[in-house]
Amino acid sequence: MEQEGYYLLKKDHLSHLLQNQQYKEAQEEIERRLRLNPDQPALKITLAEIYLKLGRLASAKIILEEILTADPQNERALSLVGDVFLREQKPQEALNYYRQAFLRTPREYFLLQAARALKKMNRYEEALLELDKVLVTKPQHLTFLKEKALILTRLKRYDQALAIYEKIKELTPADNFVQKEILRLRSQQKPKSQVLKDLQIVVGMESKKDDAQIHGLLAQKLKDAGMIREAIAEYKIAAALDPHNPYFLKQQGFCHYRQKEYDLASKCLEEALRQDPTDIIVRKTLGKIFSATGQLEKFLTLLEEIFRQHPEQITLWGTIKSLRKKLGKNKE
């Protein structure tokens, strides 16, 4: 399995909350139980995992440091610290912790995360070696195959990446992301006009008309061809088909911004930032929009609202303080 998941707990209210991804409620339940009985390492691990899912990196790190103080060889805690560092864009520190976790217990997940940390540092060949440690004995391991294909694409070894995606498609024919990557890689050697025609035919097929990934790929190709209006339309379709994926909404907003359609751009990017408050590019683009339209007060209100929901976002707080100073609102 790619992710080790939560430690086994009794089938009670807490497990129900976790299964239904009600993480804030699960957090409150675990914190209540830990107040009654603090000596429960498994619950603390689960709480750290929830903090990670909610983006509360500082809170997760505090819990994990507490666990590792009592048990320095706890491989799950070591791995989760690695996950925190990876989210903080500190891949070398993350790699060190994944290595420690693997030395304690040689689990596949730790190798996968080590490969992802190496990928973040552009150490692609080393990342491939990590993945092959599993693929040599489990050549059909889907998660490792996908990660390898992504890295081969970064290395511009398109033929090898395509061969892997073709293999994955045989194993999981319904994977829309894989189908999109196959189309994208096959189009590398084709003229742009032919690629657009091919994709327009594909999205018109009954089996693909509701495929957000394919609409997103067509939008990307239209944007690359300078057909921004058409790209916006396709990104809008993709966002409607996959409303929980902020990527399409972000791209739609960037296209509107490129067209100087600031009202439409801000609507898209405001929602995208609410879904993904870690995206600095979206935040900076919104700052430019609100500055250009003389609405910095509105921008400040938006950031304060998001920060109340995500108080762990330290860089967001930094932007708020700078904006308050600029607007002459220095109270904190």
C-alpha atoms as a PDB file:
ATOM      1  CA  MET A   1       0.000   0.000   0.000  1.00  0.00           C
ATOM      2  CA  GLU A   2       1.178   3.525  -0.775  1.00  0.00           C
ATOM      3  CA  GLN A   3       0.031   4.980   2.527  1.00  0.00           C
ATOM      4  CA  GLU A   4       0.246   3.109   5.800  1.00  0.00           C
ATOM      5  CA  GLY A   5      -2.982   4.729   6.936  1.00  0.00           C
ATOM      6  CA  TYR A   6      -4.248   5.067  10.441  1.00  0.00           C
ATOM      7  CA  TYR A   7      -3.241   2.668  13.179  1.00  0.00           C
ATOM      8  CA  LEU A   8      -5.927   0.119  13.884  1.00  0.00           C
ATOM      9  CA  LEU A   9      -8.521   1.402  16.280  1.00  0.00           C
ATOM     10  CA  LYS A  10     -11.691  -0.111  17.682  1.00  0.00           C
ATOM     11  CA  LYS A  11     -14.720   0.163  15.455  1.00  0.00           C
ATOM     12  CA  ASP A  12     -16.304   2.988  17.375  1.00  0.00           C
ATOM     13  CA  HIS A  13     -17.250   6.607  16.873  1.00  0.00           C
ATOM     14  CA  LEU A  14     -13.653   7.622  16.149  1.00  0.00           C
ATOM     15  CA  SER A  15     -13.109   5.038  13.437  1.00  0.00           C
ATOM     16  CA  HIS A  16     -16.419   6.107  11.883  1.00  0.00           C
ATOM     17  CA  LEU A  17     -15.217   9.714  11.768  1.00  0.00           C
ATOM     18  CA  LEU A  18     -11.933   8.676  10.169  1.00  0.00           C
ATOM     19  CA  GLN A  19     -13.595   6.465   7.577  1.00  0.00           C
ATOM     20  CA  ASN A  20     -15.869   9.361   6.596  1.00  0.00           C
ATOM     21  CA  GLN A  21     -12.945  11.822   6.464  1.00  0.00           C
ATOM     22  CA  GLN A  22     -14.464  13.983   9.189  1.00  0.00           C
ATOM     23  CA  TYR A  23     -11.024  15.028  10.308  1.00  0.00           C
ATOM     24  CA  LYS A  24     -11.837  18.058  12.444  1.00  0.00           C
ATOM     25  CA  GLU A  25     -14.368  16.046  14.440  1.00  0.00           C
ATOM     26  CA  ALA A  26     -11.874  13.153  14.720  1.00  0.00           C
ATOM     27  CA  GLN A  27      -9.219  15.587  15.930  1.00  0.00           C
ATOM     28  CA  GLU A  28     -11.507  16.830  18.694  1.00  0.00           C
ATOM     29  CA  GLU A  29     -12.385  13.268  19.712  1.00  0.00           C
ATOM     30  CA  ILE A  30      -8.734  12.188  19.923  1.00  0.00           C
ATOM     31  CA  GLU A  31      -7.736  15.307  21.852  1.00  0.00           C
ATOM     32  CA  ARG A  32     -10.556  14.542  24.317  1.00  0.00           C
ATOM     33  CA  ARG A  33      -9.328  10.966  24.776  1.00  0.00           C
ATOM     34  CA  LEU A  34      -5.739  12.083  25.225  1.00  0.00           C
ATOM     35  CA  ARG A  35      -6.764  14.523  27.951  1.00  0.00           C
ATOM     36  CA  LEU A  36      -8.291  11.592  29.827  1.00  0.00           C
ATOM     37  CA  ASN A  37      -5.328   9.276  29.165  1.00  0.00           C
ATOM     38  CA  PRO A  38      -2.218  10.896  27.615  1.00  0.00           C
ATOM     39  CA  ASP A  39      -0.239   7.642  27.428  1.00  0.00           C
ATOM     40  CA  GLN A  40      -1.620   6.416  24.079  1.00  0.00           C
ATOM     41  CA  PRO A  41       1.112   6.532  21.379  1.00  0.00           C
ATOM     42  CA  ALA A  42      -1.153   5.052  18.686  1.00  0.00           C
ATOM     43  CA  LEU A  43      -3.710   7.804  19.206  1.00  0.00           C
ATOM     44  CA  LYS A  44      -0.965  10.430  19.100  1.00  0.00           C
ATOM     45  CA  ILE A  45       0.255   9.038  15.784  1.00  0.00           C
ATOM     46  CA  THR A  46      -3.285   9.215  14.413  1.00  0.00           C
ATOM     47  CA  LEU A  47      -3.638  12.784  15.681  1.00  0.00           C
ATOM     48  CA  ALA A  48      -0.383  13.749  13.932  1.00  0.00           C
ATOM     49  CA  GLU A  49      -1.711  12.218  10.696  1.00  0.00           C
ATOM     50  CA  ILE A  50      -4.914  14.234  11.016  1.00  0.00           C
ATOM     51  CA  TYR A  51      -2.955  17.431  11.647  1.00  0.00           C
ATOM     52  CA  LEU A  52      -1.047  16.725   8.437  1.00  0.00           C
ATOM     53  CA  LYS A  53      -4.263  16.239   6.479  1.00  0.00           C
ATOM     54  CA  LEU A  54      -5.587  19.521   7.863  1.00  0.00           C
ATOM     55  CA  GLY A  55      -2.335  21.320   7.019  1.00  0.00           C
ATOM     56  CA  ARG A  56      -1.449  21.958  10.668  1.00  0.00           C
ATOM     57  CA  LEU A  57       2.222  21.186  10.210  1.00  0.00           C
ATOM     58  CA  ALA A  58       3.497  22.855  13.379  1.00  0.00           C
ATOM     59  CA  SER A  59       0.975  20.965  15.525  1.00  0.00           C
ATOM     60  CA  ALA A  60       1.908  17.677  13.836  1.00  0.00           C
ATOM     61  CA  LYS A  61       5.603  18.298  14.454  1.00  0.00           C
ATOM     62  CA  ILE A  62       5.040  19.005  18.175  1.00  0.00           C
ATOM     63  CA  ILE A  63       3.159  15.712  18.642  1.00  0.00           C
ATOM     64  CA  LEU A  64       5.759  13.751  16.660  1.00  0.00           C
ATOM     65  CA  GLU A  65       8.674  15.207  18.606  1.00  0.00           C
ATOM     66  CA  GLU A  66       6.907  14.153  21.790  1.00  0.00           C
ATOM     67  CA  ILE A  67       6.534  10.593  20.451  1.00  0.00           C
ATOM     68  CA  LEU A  68      10.152  10.399  19.307  1.00  0.00           C
ATOM     69  CA  THR A  69      11.410  11.670  22.655  1.00  0.00           C
ATOM     70  CA  ALA A  70       9.791   8.630  24.289  1.00  0.00           C
ATOM     71  CA  ASP A  71      10.537   6.240  21.406  1.00  0.00           C
ATOM     72  CA  PRO A  72      13.345   7.501  19.086  1.00  0.00           C
ATOM     73  CA  GLN A  73      12.980   4.438  16.826  1.00  0.00           C
ATOM     74  CA  ASN A  74       9.256   4.805  16.135  1.00  0.00           C
ATOM     75  CA  GLU A  75       9.334   4.334  12.362  1.00  0.00           C
ATOM     76  CA  ARG A  76       5.865   5.759  11.743  1.00  0.00           C
ATOM     77  CA  ALA A  77       6.693   8.933  13.657  1.00  0.00           C
ATOM     78  CA  LEU A  78       9.993   9.224  11.776  1.00  0.00           C
ATOM     79  CA  SER A  79       8.171   8.879   8.478  1.00  0.00           C
ATOM     80  CA  LEU A  80       5.549  11.452   9.436  1.00  0.00           C
ATOM     81  CA  VAL A  81       8.257  13.953  10.370  1.00  0.00           C
ATOM     82  CA  GLY A  82       9.583  13.328   6.869  1.00  0.00           C
ATOM     83  CA  ASP A  83       6.102  14.096   5.499  1.00  0.00           C
ATOM     84  CA  VAL A  84       6.051  17.374   7.441  1.00  0.00           C
ATOM     85  CA  PHE A  85       9.425  18.416   6.026  1.00  0.00           C
ATOM     86  CA  LEU A  86       8.312  17.462   2.519  1.00  0.00           C
ATOM     87  CA  ARG A  87       5.221  19.674   2.882  1.00  0.00           C
ATOM     88  CA  GLU A  88       7.504  22.464   4.144  1.00  0.00           C
ATOM     89  CA  GLN A  89       9.588  22.159   0.944  1.00  0.00           C
ATOM     90  CA  LYS A  90      12.588  20.785   2.860  1.00  0.00           C
ATOM     91  CA  PRO A  91      13.260  17.593   0.879  1.00  0.00           C
ATOM     92  CA  GLN A  92      16.746  16.874   2.213  1.00  0.00           C
ATOM     93  CA  GLU A  93      15.508  16.856   5.804  1.00  0.00           C
ATOM     94  CA  ALA A  94      12.552  14.721   4.716  1.00  0.00           C
ATOM     95  CA  LEU A  95      14.879  12.239   3.008  1.00  0.00           C
ATOM     96  CA  ASN A  96      16.943  11.868   6.171  1.00  0.00           C
ATOM     97  CA  TYR A  97      13.869  10.879   8.173  1.00  0.00           C
ATOM     98  CA  TYR A  98      12.598   8.452   5.528  1.00  0.00           C
ATOM     99  CA  ARG A  99      16.012   6.802   5.540  1.00  0.00           C
ATOM    100  CA  GLN A 100      15.886   6.438   9.327  1.00  0.00           C
ATOM    101  CA  ALA A 101      12.375   4.984   9.176  1.00  0.00           C
ATOM    102  CA  PHE A 102      13.426   2.456   6.514  1.00  0.00           C
ATOM    103  CA  LEU A 103      16.434   1.344   8.573  1.00  0.00           C
ATOM    104  CA  ARG A 104      14.052   0.689  11.460  1.00  0.00           C
ATOM    105  CA  THR A 105      11.451  -1.149   9.355  1.00  0.00           C
ATOM    106  CA  PRO A 106      11.979  -1.661   5.598  1.00  0.00           C
ATOM    107  CA  ARG A 107       8.530  -0.669   4.326  1.00  0.00           C
ATOM    108  CA  GLU A 108       7.728   0.154   0.716  1.00  0.00           C
ATOM    109  CA  TYR A 109       6.079   3.435   1.649  1.00  0.00           C
ATOM    110  CA  PHE A 110       9.318   4.792   3.091  1.00  0.00           C
ATOM    111  CA  LEU A 111      11.115   4.049  -0.199  1.00  0.00           C
ATOM    112  CA  LEU A 112       8.333   5.752  -2.143  1.00  0.00           C
ATOM    113  CA  GLN A 113       8.566   8.884  -0.028  1.00  0.00           C
ATOM    114  CA  ALA A 114      12.369   8.854  -0.262  1.00  0.00           C
ATOM    115  CA  ALA A 115      12.011   8.785  -4.060  1.00  0.00           C
ATOM    116  CA  ARG A 116       9.603  11.731  -3.921  1.00  0.00           C
ATOM    117  CA  ALA A 117      12.028  13.699  -1.749  1.00  0.00           C
ATOM    118  CA  LEU A 118      14.837  12.991  -4.222  1.00  0.00           C
ATOM    119  CA  LYS A 119      12.557  14.068  -7.074  1.00  0.00           C
ATOM    120  CA  LYS A 120      11.975  17.392  -5.291  1.00  0.00           C
ATOM    121  CA  MET A 121      15.744  17.914  -5.336  1.00  0.00           C
ATOM    122  CA  ASN A 122      15.952  17.006  -9.053  1.00  0.00           C
ATOM    123  CA  ARG A 123      17.981  13.919  -8.139  1.00  0.00           C
ATOM    124  CA  TYR A 124      16.008  11.854 -10.610  1.00  0.00           C
ATOM    125  CA  GLU A 125      18.393   8.957 -11.199  1.00  0.00           C
ATOM    126  CA  GLU A 126      18.654   8.321  -7.454  1.00  0.00           C
ATOM    127  CA  ALA A 127      14.871   8.464  -7.196  1.00  0.00           C
ATOM    128  CA  LEU A 128      14.552   5.828  -9.922  1.00  0.00           C
ATOM    129  CA  LEU A 129      16.925   3.554  -8.008  1.00  0.00           C
ATOM    130  CA  GLU A 130      14.698   3.821  -4.928  1.00  0.00           C
ATOM    131  CA  LEU A 131      11.609   2.891  -6.942  1.00  0.00           C
ATOM    132  CA  ASP A 132      13.341  -0.023  -8.649  1.00  0.00           C
ATOM    133  CA  LYS A 133      14.106  -1.580  -5.263  1.00  0.00           C
ATOM    134  CA  VAL A 134      10.400  -2.459  -5.158  1.00  0.00           C
ATOM    135  CA  LEU A 135       9.639  -2.801  -8.868  1.00  0.00           C
ATOM    136  CA  VAL A 136      12.317  -5.453  -9.338  1.00  0.00           C
ATOM    137  CA  THR A 137      10.238  -7.848  -7.222  1.00  0.00           C
ATOM    138  CA  LYS A 138       6.789  -6.265  -7.774  1.00  0.00           C
ATOM    139  CA  PRO A 139       6.776  -5.114 -11.408  1.00  0.00           C
ATOM    140  CA  GLN A 140       3.025  -4.369 -11.312  1.00  0.00           C
ATOM    141  CA  HIS A 141       3.064  -2.102  -8.257  1.00  0.00           C
ATOM    142  CA  LEU A 142       0.854   0.715  -9.561  1.00  0.00           C
ATOM    143  CA  THR A 143       1.966   3.497  -7.234  1.00  0.00           C
ATOM    144  CA  PHE A 144       5.640   2.875  -7.917  1.00  0.00           C
ATOM    145  CA  LEU A 145       5.010   2.553 -11.657  1.00  0.00           C
ATOM    146  CA  LYS A 146       3.194   5.902 -11.738  1.00  0.00           C
ATOM    147  CA  GLU A 147       5.954   7.605  -9.799  1.00  0.00           C
ATOM    148  CA  LYS A 148       8.573   6.147 -12.144  1.00  0.00           C
ATOM    149  CA  ALA A 149       6.650   7.368 -15.192  1.00  0.00           C
ATOM    150  CA  LEU A 150       6.445  10.865 -13.725  1.00  0.00           C
ATOM    151  CA  ILE A 151      10.199  10.945 -13.153  1.00  0.00           C
ATOM    152  CA  LEU A 152      10.980   9.585 -16.619  1.00  0.00           C
ATOM    153  CA  THR A 153       8.797  12.364 -18.032  1.00  0.00           C
ATOM    154  CA  ARG A 154      10.821  14.925 -16.068  1.00  0.00           C
ATOM    155  CA  LEU A 155      13.948  13.396 -17.621  1.00  0.00           C
ATOM    156  CA  LYS A 156      12.301  13.746 -21.071  1.00  0.00           C
ATOM    157  CA  ARG A 157      12.552  10.004 -21.589  1.00  0.00           C
ATOM    158  CA  TYR A 158       9.116  10.056 -23.110  1.00  0.00           C
ATOM    159  CA  ASP A 159       9.194   6.656 -24.816  1.00  0.00           C
ATOM    160  CA  GLN A 160      10.025   4.906 -21.534  1.00  0.00           C
ATOM    161  CA  ALA A 161       7.368   6.889 -19.649  1.00  0.00           C
ATOM    162  CA  LEU A 162       4.776   6.062 -22.320  1.00  0.00           C
ATOM    163  CA  ALA A 163       5.615   2.352 -22.108  1.00  0.00           C
ATOM    164  CA  ILE A 164       4.987   2.417 -18.360  1.00  0.00           C
ATOM    165  CA  TYR A 165       1.693   4.270 -18.700  1.00  0.00           C
ATOM    166  CA  GLU A 166       0.597   1.752 -21.341  1.00  0.00           C
ATOM    167  CA  LYS A 167       1.387  -1.008 -18.847  1.00  0.00           C
ATOM    168  CA  ILE A 168      -0.584   0.752 -16.114  1.00  0.00           C
ATOM    169  CA  LYS A 169      -3.530   1.177 -18.478  1.00  0.00           C
ATOM    170  CA  GLU A 170      -3.631  -2.592 -18.981  1.00  0.00           C
ATOM    171  CA  LEU A 171      -3.794  -3.043 -15.203  1.00  0.00           C
ATOM    172  CA  THR A 172      -6.293  -0.210 -14.532  1.00  0.00           C
ATOM    173  CA  PRO A 173      -8.160   0.719 -17.731  1.00  0.00           C
ATOM    174  CA  ALA A 174     -10.399   3.265 -15.967  1.00  0.00           C
ATOM    175  CA  ASP A 175      -7.584   5.517 -14.679  1.00  0.00           C
ATOM    176  CA  ASN A 176      -8.334   8.890 -16.289  1.00  0.00           C
ATOM    177  CA  PHE A 177      -5.004  10.452 -15.302  1.00  0.00           C
ATOM    178  CA  VAL A 178      -3.095   7.631 -16.997  1.00  0.00           C
ATOM    179  CA  GLN A 179      -5.196   7.925 -20.148  1.00  0.00           C
ATOM    180  CA  LYS A 180      -4.518  11.667 -20.221  1.00  0.00           C
ATOM    181  CA  GLU A 181      -0.752  11.126 -19.872  1.00  0.00           C
ATOM    182  CA  ILE A 182      -0.778   8.555 -22.674  1.00  0.00           C
ATOM    183  CA  LEU A 183      -2.487  11.042 -24.985  1.00  0.00           C
ATOM    184  CA  ARG A 184      -0.097  13.801 -23.946  1.00  0.00           C
ATOM    185  CA  LEU A 185       3.028  11.702 -24.501  1.00  0.00           C
ATOM    186  CA  ARG A 186       1.796  10.365 -27.823  1.00  0.00           C
ATOM    187  CA  SER A 187       1.307  13.948 -28.967  1.00  0.00           C
ATOM    188  CA  GLN A 188       4.946  14.918 -28.368  1.00  0.00           C
ATOM    189  CA  GLN A 189       5.971  14.269 -31.966  1.00  0.00           C
ATOM    190  CA  LYS A 190       2.792  15.571 -33.615  1.00  0.00           C
ATOM    191  CA  PRO A 191       2.172  19.085 -34.984  1.00  0.00           C
ATOM    192  CA  LYS A 192       0.259  21.259 -32.507  1.00  0.00           C
ATOM    193  CA  SER A 193      -2.670  21.664 -34.895  1.00  0.00           C
ATOM    194  CA  GLN A 194      -3.029  17.890 -35.221  1.00  0.00           C
ATOM    195  CA  VAL A 195      -2.838  17.442 -31.433  1.00  0.00           C
ATOM    196  CA  LEU A 196      -5.695  19.916 -30.968  1.00  0.00           C
ATOM    197  CA  LYS A 197      -7.820  18.177 -33.589  1.00  0.00           C
ATOM    198  CA  ASP A 198      -7.178  14.779 -32.001  1.00  0.00           C
ATOM    199  CA  LEU A 199      -8.062  16.012 -28.511  1.00  0.00           C
ATOM    200  CA  GLN A 200     -11.208  17.741 -29.700  1.00  0.00           C
ATOM    201  CA  ILE A 201     -12.324  14.461 -31.235  1.00  0.00           C
ATOM    202  CA  VAL A 202     -11.533  12.607 -28.000  1.00  0.00           C
ATOM    203  CA  VAL A 203     -13.486  14.985 -25.713  1.00  0.00           C
ATOM    204  CA  GLY A 204     -16.435  14.646 -28.079  1.00  0.00           C
ATOM    205  CA  MET A 205     -16.568  10.889 -27.528  1.00  0.00           C
ATOM    206  CA  GLU A 206     -19.361   9.650 -25.273  1.00  0.00           C
ATOM    207  CA  SER A 207     -16.880   7.816 -23.033  1.00  0.00           C
ATOM    208  CA  LYS A 208     -14.666  10.898 -22.577  1.00  0.00           C
ATOM    209  CA  LYS A 209     -17.052  13.843 -22.456  1.00  0.00           C
ATOM    210  CA  ASP A 210     -17.149  13.691 -18.637  1.00  0.00           C
ATOM    211  CA  ASP A 211     -13.394  13.141 -18.202  1.00  0.00           C
ATOM    212  CA  ALA A 212     -11.969  16.160 -16.366  1.00  0.00           C
ATOM    213  CA  GLN A 213      -8.379  15.145 -17.106  1.00  0.00           C
ATOM    214  CA  ILE A 214      -8.929  15.077 -20.875  1.00  0.00           C
ATOM    215  CA  HIS A 215     -10.724  18.432 -20.841  1.00  0.00           C
ATOM    216  CA  GLY A 216      -7.851  19.808 -18.771  1.00  0.00           C
ATOM    217  CA  LEU A 217      -5.293  18.495 -21.269  1.00  0.00           C
ATOM    218  CA  LEU A 218      -7.184  20.066 -24.166  1.00  0.00           C
ATOM    219  CA  ALA A 219      -7.328  23.341 -22.226  1.00  0.00           C
ATOM    220  CA  GLN A 220      -3.570  23.230 -21.677  1.00  0.00           C
ATOM    221  CA  LYS A 221      -2.906  22.660 -25.389  1.00  0.00           C
ATOM    222  CA  LEU A 222      -5.316  25.452 -26.347  1.00  0.00           C
ATOM    223  CA  LYS A 223      -3.568  27.801 -23.941  1.00  0.00           C
ATOM    224  CA  ASP A 224      -0.156  26.847 -25.365  1.00  0.00           C
ATOM    225  CA  ALA A 225      -1.529  27.655 -28.830  1.00  0.00           C
ATOM    226  CA  GLY A 226      -2.636  31.107 -27.645  1.00  0.00           C
ATOM    227  CA  MET A 227      -6.344  30.206 -27.831  1.00  0.00           C
ATOM    228  CA  ILE A 228      -7.111  31.589 -24.381  1.00  0.00           C
ATOM    229  CA  ARG A 229     -10.889  31.929 -24.770  1.00  0.00           C
ATOM    230  CA  GLU A 230     -11.192  28.301 -25.817  1.00  0.00           C
ATOM    231  CA  ALA A 231      -8.821  27.241 -23.018  1.00  0.00           C
ATOM    232  CA  ILE A 232     -10.983  29.026 -20.430  1.00  0.00           C
ATOM    233  CA  ALA A 233     -14.055  27.155 -21.651  1.00  0.00           C
ATOM    234  CA  GLU A 234     -12.316  23.780 -21.312  1.00  0.00           C
ATOM    235  CA  TYR A 235     -10.846  24.569 -17.877  1.00  0.00           C
ATOM    236  CA  LYS A 236     -14.348  25.595 -16.759  1.00  0.00           C
ATOM    237  CA  ILE A 237     -15.726  22.237 -17.890  1.00  0.00           C
ATOM    238  CA  ALA A 238     -12.874  20.372 -16.156  1.00  0.00           C
ATOM    239  CA  ALA A 239     -13.422  22.320 -12.917  1.00  0.00           C
ATOM    240  CA  ALA A 240     -17.138  21.514 -12.976  1.00  0.00           C
ATOM    241  CA  LEU A 241     -16.411  17.821 -13.537  1.00  0.00           C
ATOM    242  CA  ASP A 242     -13.823  17.693 -10.751  1.00  0.00           C
ATOM    243  CA  PRO A 243     -14.805  20.421  -8.242  1.00  0.00           C
ATOM    244  CA  HIS A 244     -12.476  19.101  -5.517  1.00  0.00           C
ATOM    245  CA  ASN A 245      -9.383  19.571  -7.699  1.00  0.00           C
ATOM    246  CA  PRO A 246      -8.356  23.255  -7.473  1.00  0.00           C
ATOM    247  CA  TYR A 247      -5.854  22.912 -10.338  1.00  0.00           C
ATOM    248  CA  PHE A 248      -8.427  23.507 -13.072  1.00  0.00           C
ATOM    249  CA  LEU A 249      -9.918  26.463 -11.208  1.00  0.00           C
ATOM    250  CA  LYS A 250      -6.449  27.981 -10.797  1.00  0.00           C
ATOM    251  CA  GLN A 251      -5.683  27.624 -14.494  1.00  0.00           C
ATOM    252  CA  GLN A 252      -9.021  29.139 -15.439  1.00  0.00           C
ATOM    253  CA  GLY A 253      -8.245  32.082 -13.167  1.00  0.00           C
ATOM    254  CA  PHE A 254      -4.766  32.545 -14.643  1.00  0.00           C
ATOM    255  CA  CYS A 255      -6.269  32.608 -18.144  1.00  0.00           C
ATOM    256  CA  HIS A 256      -8.756  35.302 -17.116  1.00  0.00           C
ATOM    257  CA  TYR A 257      -5.897  37.256 -15.530  1.00  0.00           C
ATOM    258  CA  ARG A 258      -3.918  37.006 -18.757  1.00  0.00           C
ATOM    259  CA  GLN A 259      -6.947  38.489 -20.540  1.00  0.00           C
ATOM    260  CA  LYS A 260      -7.120  41.272 -17.906  1.00  0.00           C
ATOM    261  CA  GLU A 261     -10.558  40.029 -16.867  1.00  0.00           C
ATOM    262  CA  TYR A 262      -9.862  40.758 -13.246  1.00  0.00           C
ATOM    263  CA  ASP A 263     -13.349  40.172 -11.803  1.00  0.00           C
ATOM    264  CA  LEU A 264     -13.579  36.709 -13.357  1.00  0.00           C
ATOM    265  CA  ALA A 265      -9.981  35.927 -12.439  1.00  0.00           C
ATOM    266  CA  SER A 266     -10.480  36.896  -8.800  1.00  0.00           C
ATOM    267  CA  LYS A 267     -13.634  34.748  -8.482  1.00  0.00           C
ATOM    268  CA  CYS A 268     -11.744  31.680  -9.661  1.00  0.00           C
ATOM    269  CA  LEU A 269      -8.578  32.349  -7.694  1.00  0.00           C
ATOM    270  CA  GLU A 270     -10.353  33.287  -4.460  1.00  0.00           C
ATOM    271  CA  GLU A 271     -12.109  29.912  -4.434  1.00  0.00           C
ATOM    272  CA  ALA A 272      -8.871  28.150  -5.405  1.00  0.00           C
ATOM    273  CA  LEU A 273      -7.037  29.810  -2.509  1.00  0.00           C
ATOM    274  CA  ARG A 274      -9.746  28.743  -0.089  1.00  0.00           C
ATOM    275  CA  GLN A 275      -9.276  25.168  -1.274  1.00  0.00           C
ATOM    276  CA  ASP A 276      -5.476  25.377  -1.284  1.00  0.00           C
ATOM    277  CA  PRO A 277      -4.227  28.154   1.029  1.00  0.00           C
ATOM    278  CA  THR A 278      -0.605  26.999   0.553  1.00  0.00           C
ATOM    279  CA  ASP A 279      -0.432  28.176  -3.081  1.00  0.00           C
ATOM    280  CA  ILE A 280       1.793  31.254  -3.031  1.00  0.00           C
ATOM    281  CA  ILE A 281       1.450  31.904  -6.780  1.00  0.00           C
ATOM    282  CA  VAL A 282      -2.345  32.124  -6.516  1.00  0.00           C
ATOM    283  CA  ARG A 283      -1.995  34.419  -3.501  1.00  0.00           C
ATOM    284  CA  LYS A 284       0.459  36.730  -5.281  1.00  0.00           C
ATOM    285  CA  THR A 285      -1.712  36.872  -8.397  1.00  0.00           C
ATOM    286  CA  LEU A 286      -4.724  37.817  -6.299  1.00  0.00           C
ATOM    287  CA  GLY A 287      -2.600  40.507  -4.665  1.00  0.00           C
ATOM    288  CA  LYS A 288      -1.804  41.974  -8.077  1.00  0.00           C
ATOM    289  CA  ILE A 289      -5.472  41.867  -9.080  1.00  0.00           C
ATOM    290  CA  PHE A 290      -6.747  43.590  -5.936  1.00  0.00           C
ATOM    291  CA  SER A 291      -3.950  46.143  -6.130  1.00  0.00           C
ATOM    292  CA  ALA A 292      -4.734  46.924  -9.786  1.00  0.00           C
ATOM    293  CA  THR A 293      -8.437  47.324  -8.984  1.00  0.00           C
ATOM    294  CA  GLY A 294      -7.881  49.343  -5.796  1.00  0.00           C
ATOM    295  CA  GLN A 295      -9.444  46.672  -3.571  1.00  0.00           C
ATOM    296  CA  LEU A 296      -6.661  45.857  -1.109  1.00  0.00           C
ATOM    297  CA  GLU A 297      -9.131  46.106   1.795  1.00  0.00           C
ATOM    298  CA  LYS A 298     -11.120  43.286   0.203  1.00  0.00           C
ATOM    299  CA  PHE A 299      -7.916  41.281  -0.274  1.00  0.00           C
ATOM    300  CA  LEU A 300      -7.055  41.720   3.403  1.00  0.00           C
ATOM    301  CA  THR A 301     -10.527  40.548   4.439  1.00  0.00           C
ATOM    302  CA  LEU A 302     -10.164  37.464   2.241  1.00  0.00           C
ATOM    303  CA  LEU A 303      -6.759  36.556   3.680  1.00  0.00           C
ATOM    304  CA  GLU A 304      -7.934  37.072   7.261  1.00  0.00           C
ATOM    305  CA  GLU A 305     -10.935  34.830   6.614  1.00  0.00           C
ATOM    306  CA  ILE A 306      -8.741  32.066   5.181  1.00  0.00           C
ATOM    307  CA  PHE A 307      -6.199  32.436   7.983  1.00  0.00           C
ATOM    308  CA  ARG A 308      -8.920  31.964  10.619  1.00  0.00           C
ATOM    309  CA  GLN A 309      -9.691  28.633   8.954  1.00  0.00           C
ATOM    310  CA  HIS A 310      -6.010  27.705   8.494  1.00  0.00           C
ATOM    311  CA  PRO A 311      -4.043  29.279  11.382  1.00  0.00           C
ATOM    312  CA  GLU A 312      -1.046  27.018  10.674  1.00  0.00           C
ATOM    313  CA  GLN A 313      -0.297  28.911   7.422  1.00  0.00           C
ATOM    314  CA  ILE A 314       2.543  31.076   8.719  1.00  0.00           C
ATOM    315  CA  THR A 315       3.399  32.636   5.345  1.00  0.00           C
ATOM    316  CA  LEU A 316      -0.224  33.701   5.002  1.00  0.00           C
ATOM    317  CA  TRP A 317       0.025  35.496   8.336  1.00  0.00           C
ATOM    318  CA  GLY A 318       3.156  37.251   7.074  1.00  0.00           C
ATOM    319  CA  THR A 319       1.244  38.544   4.045  1.00  0.00           C
ATOM    320  CA  ILE A 320      -1.590  39.734   6.291  1.00  0.00           C
ATOM    321  CA  LYS A 321       0.794  41.684   8.551  1.00  0.00           C
ATOM    322  CA  SER A 322       2.493  43.340   5.556  1.00  0.00           C
ATOM    323  CA  LEU A 323      -0.873  44.272   4.069  1.00  0.00           C
ATOM    324  CA  ARG A 324      -2.149  45.666   7.372  1.00  0.00           C
ATOM    325  CA  LYS A 325       0.938  47.838   7.628  1.00  0.00           C
ATOM    326  CA  LYS A 326       0.463  49.075   4.073  1.00  0.00           C
ATOM    327  CA  LEU A 327      -3.164  49.941   4.810  1.00  0.00           C
ATOM    328  CA  GLY A 328      -2.294  51.534   8.131  1.00  0.00           C
ATOM    329  CA  LYS A 329      -3.935  48.783  10.194  1.00  0.00           C
ATOM    330  CA  ASN A 330      -1.212  47.704  12.572  1.00  0.00           C
ATOM    331  CA  LYS A 331      -3.274  46.013  15.247  1.00  0.00           C
ATOM    332  CA  GLU A 332      -2.877  42.198  15.348  1.00  0.00           C
END
